[in-house]
Amino acid sequence: MDEKNPCNKIYDVILSRRSIRRFQQKPIDVEVLKKFVNAGRLAPSAANLQPLEYFIVNEKKLCSKIFETIGWAAYIKPKWRPSIEERPTAYIIVLVTDIKNKYYSRDAGLATENIVLAAEAENIGSCILCNINRDKIREILKIPKSLNIDSLVALGYKAEQPVVEDMKDSIKYWRDENMVLHVPKRKLENIIHVNSFRSK
């Protein structure tokens, strides 16, 4: 394998990226956040219609208000959310200009993936969140009703390193006694078909 090939580095970033839910309280420079938005802007867009806009939040008081609109880590029991010392230090909110565009959700997915990969390349943790109170976010940020709130990406320097496990009996992630997050993923050999369909 050619170590100088930038594609190898991209693949490594993809492999290392995990959803992060515990963050250091170190601020992220706004120019770095704009770089992540630029990565989202350049994602593929169906028919190149580009129906997305982005709202960066990195002011501490606003971040605190946005935090209260989020449902966190539904699989973890008892109910869990980051402590005040572990909260995201920035958010990128994905807005949609035209929800009549039947492909907008695909565009949003591609854009948010670009954002979290760009963040991972900077060793900044991220978590794409859709379980959010959109009405409250709209009120807090005074977002016009002409824009639909699709999702948000929580961001911050990592305060945890989740571990990938081979999926066995359940898709549910969990924390062990040391608060390490374990994330089950289906094995490659169980999801791949080459040239002919392989029955299970």
Protein backbone atom coordinates (compact mmCIF):
# COMPACT_ATOMS: atom_id res chain seq x y z
CA MET A 1 0.00 0.00 0.00
CA ASP A 2 1.31 3.44 -0.96
CA GLU A 3 1.56 5.40 2.31
CA LYS A 4 1.87 8.67 0.35
CA ASN A 5 -1.47 8.14 -1.35
CA PRO A 6 -3.93 10.67 0.22
CA CYS A 7 -6.76 8.19 -0.35
CA ASN A 8 -5.18 5.94 2.28
CA LYS A 9 -5.40 8.80 4.78
CA ILE A 10 -9.06 9.36 3.91
CA TYR A 11 -9.78 5.68 4.52
CA ASP A 12 -8.00 5.86 7.88
CA VAL A 13 -10.16 8.85 8.86
CA ILE A 14 -13.29 6.89 7.93
CA LEU A 15 -12.13 3.93 10.03
CA SER A 16 -11.28 6.06 13.07
CA ARG A 17 -14.46 8.15 13.13
CA ARG A 18 -16.96 7.29 15.87
CA SER A 19 -19.89 9.28 17.23
CA ILE A 20 -18.57 11.18 20.25
CA ARG A 21 -20.82 12.25 23.13
CA ARG A 22 -18.28 13.42 25.72
CA PHE A 23 -16.14 16.46 24.91
CA GLN A 24 -13.31 18.52 26.34
CA GLN A 25 -14.26 22.11 27.09
CA LYS A 26 -11.69 23.54 24.69
CA PRO A 27 -13.25 25.97 22.17
CA ILE A 28 -13.10 25.35 18.42
CA ASP A 29 -11.99 28.31 16.33
CA VAL A 30 -14.77 29.62 14.09
CA GLU A 31 -12.50 29.38 11.03
CA VAL A 32 -12.17 25.63 11.68
CA LEU A 33 -15.96 25.36 11.91
CA LYS A 34 -16.29 27.25 8.61
CA LYS A 35 -13.89 24.72 7.09
CA PHE A 36 -16.26 21.92 8.18
CA VAL A 37 -19.21 23.77 6.60
CA ASN A 38 -17.20 24.10 3.41
CA ALA A 39 -16.73 20.32 3.43
CA GLY A 40 -20.52 19.97 3.71
CA ARG A 41 -21.08 22.53 0.95
CA LEU A 42 -18.97 20.46 -1.45
CA ALA A 43 -20.79 17.18 -0.82
CA PRO A 44 -22.72 15.64 -3.74
CA SER A 45 -26.15 17.18 -4.29
CA ALA A 46 -28.96 15.57 -6.29
CA ALA A 47 -29.38 17.47 -9.59
CA ASN A 48 -26.93 19.98 -8.02
CA LEU A 49 -29.93 21.76 -6.49
CA GLN A 50 -27.95 22.53 -3.29
CA PRO A 51 -30.92 22.96 -0.92
CA LEU A 52 -28.83 23.27 2.26
CA GLU A 53 -27.63 26.13 4.44
CA TYR A 54 -25.70 25.92 7.71
CA PHE A 55 -25.90 27.69 11.07
CA ILE A 56 -22.75 27.65 13.24
CA VAL A 57 -23.17 28.00 17.02
CA ASN A 58 -20.05 28.36 19.17
CA GLU A 59 -21.00 31.05 21.68
CA LYS A 60 -21.07 29.40 25.12
CA LYS A 61 -24.49 30.62 26.29
CA LEU A 62 -26.13 29.68 22.99
CA CYS A 63 -24.45 26.26 23.07
CA SER A 64 -25.91 25.71 26.52
CA LYS A 65 -29.40 26.52 25.23
CA ILE A 66 -29.02 24.25 22.20
CA PHE A 67 -27.81 21.42 24.43
CA GLU A 68 -31.18 21.42 26.21
CA THR A 69 -32.99 20.71 22.91
CA ILE A 70 -31.17 17.40 22.29
CA GLY A 71 -32.15 13.83 23.10
CA TRP A 72 -28.92 11.94 23.88
CA ALA A 73 -27.90 8.27 23.43
CA ALA A 74 -31.30 6.60 23.65
CA TYR A 75 -29.87 3.07 24.00
CA ILE A 76 -27.98 3.84 27.21
CA LYS A 77 -29.95 2.98 30.36
CA PRO A 78 -30.55 4.55 32.79
CA LYS A 79 -31.13 7.74 30.82
CA TRP A 80 -27.80 9.46 30.16
CA ARG A 81 -26.58 12.80 28.86
CA PRO A 82 -23.18 14.52 28.91
CA SER A 83 -22.35 16.32 32.17
CA ILE A 84 -21.75 20.06 32.16
CA GLU A 85 -17.99 19.33 31.86
CA GLU A 86 -18.54 17.10 28.81
CA ARG A 87 -20.92 19.06 26.60
CA PRO A 88 -20.27 19.97 22.96
CA THR A 89 -18.50 23.29 22.47
CA ALA A 90 -20.00 23.97 19.02
CA TYR A 91 -22.85 22.94 16.75
CA ILE A 92 -23.48 23.06 13.03
CA ILE A 93 -27.19 23.08 12.25
CA VAL A 94 -28.24 21.84 8.82
CA LEU A 95 -31.03 23.88 7.25
CA VAL A 96 -33.10 23.06 4.17
CA THR A 97 -34.32 25.74 1.79
CA ASP A 98 -36.74 23.49 -0.12
CA ILE A 99 -38.33 20.45 1.53
CA LYS A 100 -40.31 19.82 -1.67
CA ASN A 101 -37.01 18.58 -3.09
CA LYS A 102 -37.53 14.83 -2.60
CA TYR A 103 -33.78 14.24 -2.33
CA TYR A 104 -32.99 16.84 0.32
CA SER A 105 -32.57 14.26 3.10
CA ARG A 106 -29.98 12.43 1.01
CA ASP A 107 -28.14 15.71 0.46
CA ALA A 108 -28.24 16.38 4.20
CA GLY A 109 -26.84 12.93 4.94
CA LEU A 110 -23.99 13.38 2.49
CA ALA A 111 -23.21 16.87 3.80
CA THR A 112 -23.19 15.83 7.46
CA GLU A 113 -20.92 12.90 6.66
CA ASN A 114 -18.48 15.30 4.99
CA ILE A 115 -18.64 17.52 8.08
CA VAL A 116 -17.90 14.73 10.56
CA LEU A 117 -15.06 13.36 8.41
CA ALA A 118 -13.50 16.82 8.14
CA ALA A 119 -13.81 17.10 11.93
CA GLU A 120 -12.22 13.69 12.45
CA ALA A 121 -9.28 14.72 10.27
CA GLU A 122 -8.72 17.57 12.77
CA ASN A 123 -9.11 15.13 15.72
CA ILE A 124 -12.35 16.86 16.68
CA GLY A 125 -15.21 14.66 17.82
CA SER A 126 -18.69 14.85 16.34
CA CYS A 127 -22.16 13.41 16.65
CA ILE A 128 -24.95 13.77 14.08
CA LEU A 129 -28.24 14.33 15.92
CA CYS A 130 -31.81 14.16 14.63
CA ASN A 131 -33.60 13.66 17.97
CA ILE A 132 -33.85 17.40 18.56
CA ASN A 133 -36.53 19.93 19.44
CA ARG A 134 -36.67 21.84 16.18
CA ASP A 135 -39.26 24.35 17.36
CA LYS A 136 -37.11 25.30 20.33
CA ILE A 137 -33.96 25.56 18.19
CA ARG A 138 -35.83 27.82 15.76
CA GLU A 139 -36.95 30.02 18.65
CA ILE A 140 -33.48 30.22 20.25
CA LEU A 141 -31.66 31.06 17.02
CA LYS A 142 -34.46 33.05 15.37
CA ILE A 143 -34.31 30.87 12.26
CA PRO A 144 -36.95 31.94 9.71
CA LYS A 145 -39.83 29.56 9.07
CA SER A 146 -38.83 29.45 5.40
CA LEU A 147 -35.94 27.20 6.42
CA ASN A 148 -36.51 23.66 7.65
CA ILE A 149 -34.23 22.37 10.44
CA ASP A 150 -32.99 18.95 9.34
CA SER A 151 -30.39 17.95 11.93
CA LEU A 152 -27.42 19.20 13.85
CA VAL A 153 -23.83 18.10 14.31
CA ALA A 154 -22.46 18.40 17.85
CA LEU A 155 -18.73 19.11 17.91
CA GLY A 156 -15.86 19.32 20.37
CA TYR A 157 -12.41 17.98 21.13
CA LYS A 158 -12.79 14.36 22.18
CA ALA A 159 -13.07 13.30 25.82
CA GLU A 160 -13.71 9.64 24.97
CA GLN A 161 -12.61 6.96 22.52
CA PRO A 162 -15.49 4.60 21.67
CA VAL A 163 -14.62 1.02 20.77
CA VAL A 164 -16.08 -0.90 17.80
CA GLU A 165 -17.26 -4.44 18.54
CA ASP A 166 -18.42 -7.20 16.21
CA MET A 167 -22.21 -7.25 16.41
CA LYS A 168 -23.55 -10.40 18.03
CA ASP A 169 -27.04 -10.27 19.51
CA SER A 170 -27.88 -6.57 19.55
CA ILE A 171 -27.31 -3.30 17.68
CA LYS A 172 -27.43 -1.32 20.95
CA TYR A 173 -24.28 0.50 22.04
CA TRP A 174 -23.37 0.44 25.74
CA ARG A 175 -20.95 1.83 28.31
CA ASP A 176 -18.85 -0.50 30.44
CA GLU A 177 -17.90 -0.02 34.11
CA ASN A 178 -15.11 2.37 33.02
CA MET A 179 -17.58 4.47 31.00
CA VAL A 180 -16.02 3.33 27.69
CA LEU A 181 -18.61 3.33 24.92
CA HIS A 182 -18.85 0.07 22.92
CA VAL A 183 -20.48 0.21 19.48
CA PRO A 184 -21.54 -3.03 17.75
CA LYS A 185 -21.13 -3.11 13.96
CA ARG A 186 -22.09 -5.86 11.53
CA LYS A 187 -19.12 -7.84 10.20
CA LEU A 188 -17.98 -7.07 6.66
CA GLU A 189 -18.33 -10.70 5.58
CA ASN A 190 -21.98 -10.66 6.70
CA ILE A 191 -23.01 -7.73 4.51
CA ILE A 192 -20.99 -8.10 1.31
CA HIS A 193 -21.86 -9.87 -1.95
CA VAL A 194 -19.39 -10.12 -4.81
CA ASN A 195 -20.67 -10.95 -8.32
CA SER A 196 -23.47 -13.14 -6.97
CA PHE A 197 -25.88 -12.95 -4.05
CA ARG A 198 -24.63 -14.94 -1.08
CA SER A 199 -27.51 -16.40 0.93
CA LYS A 200 -27.28 -16.13 4.71
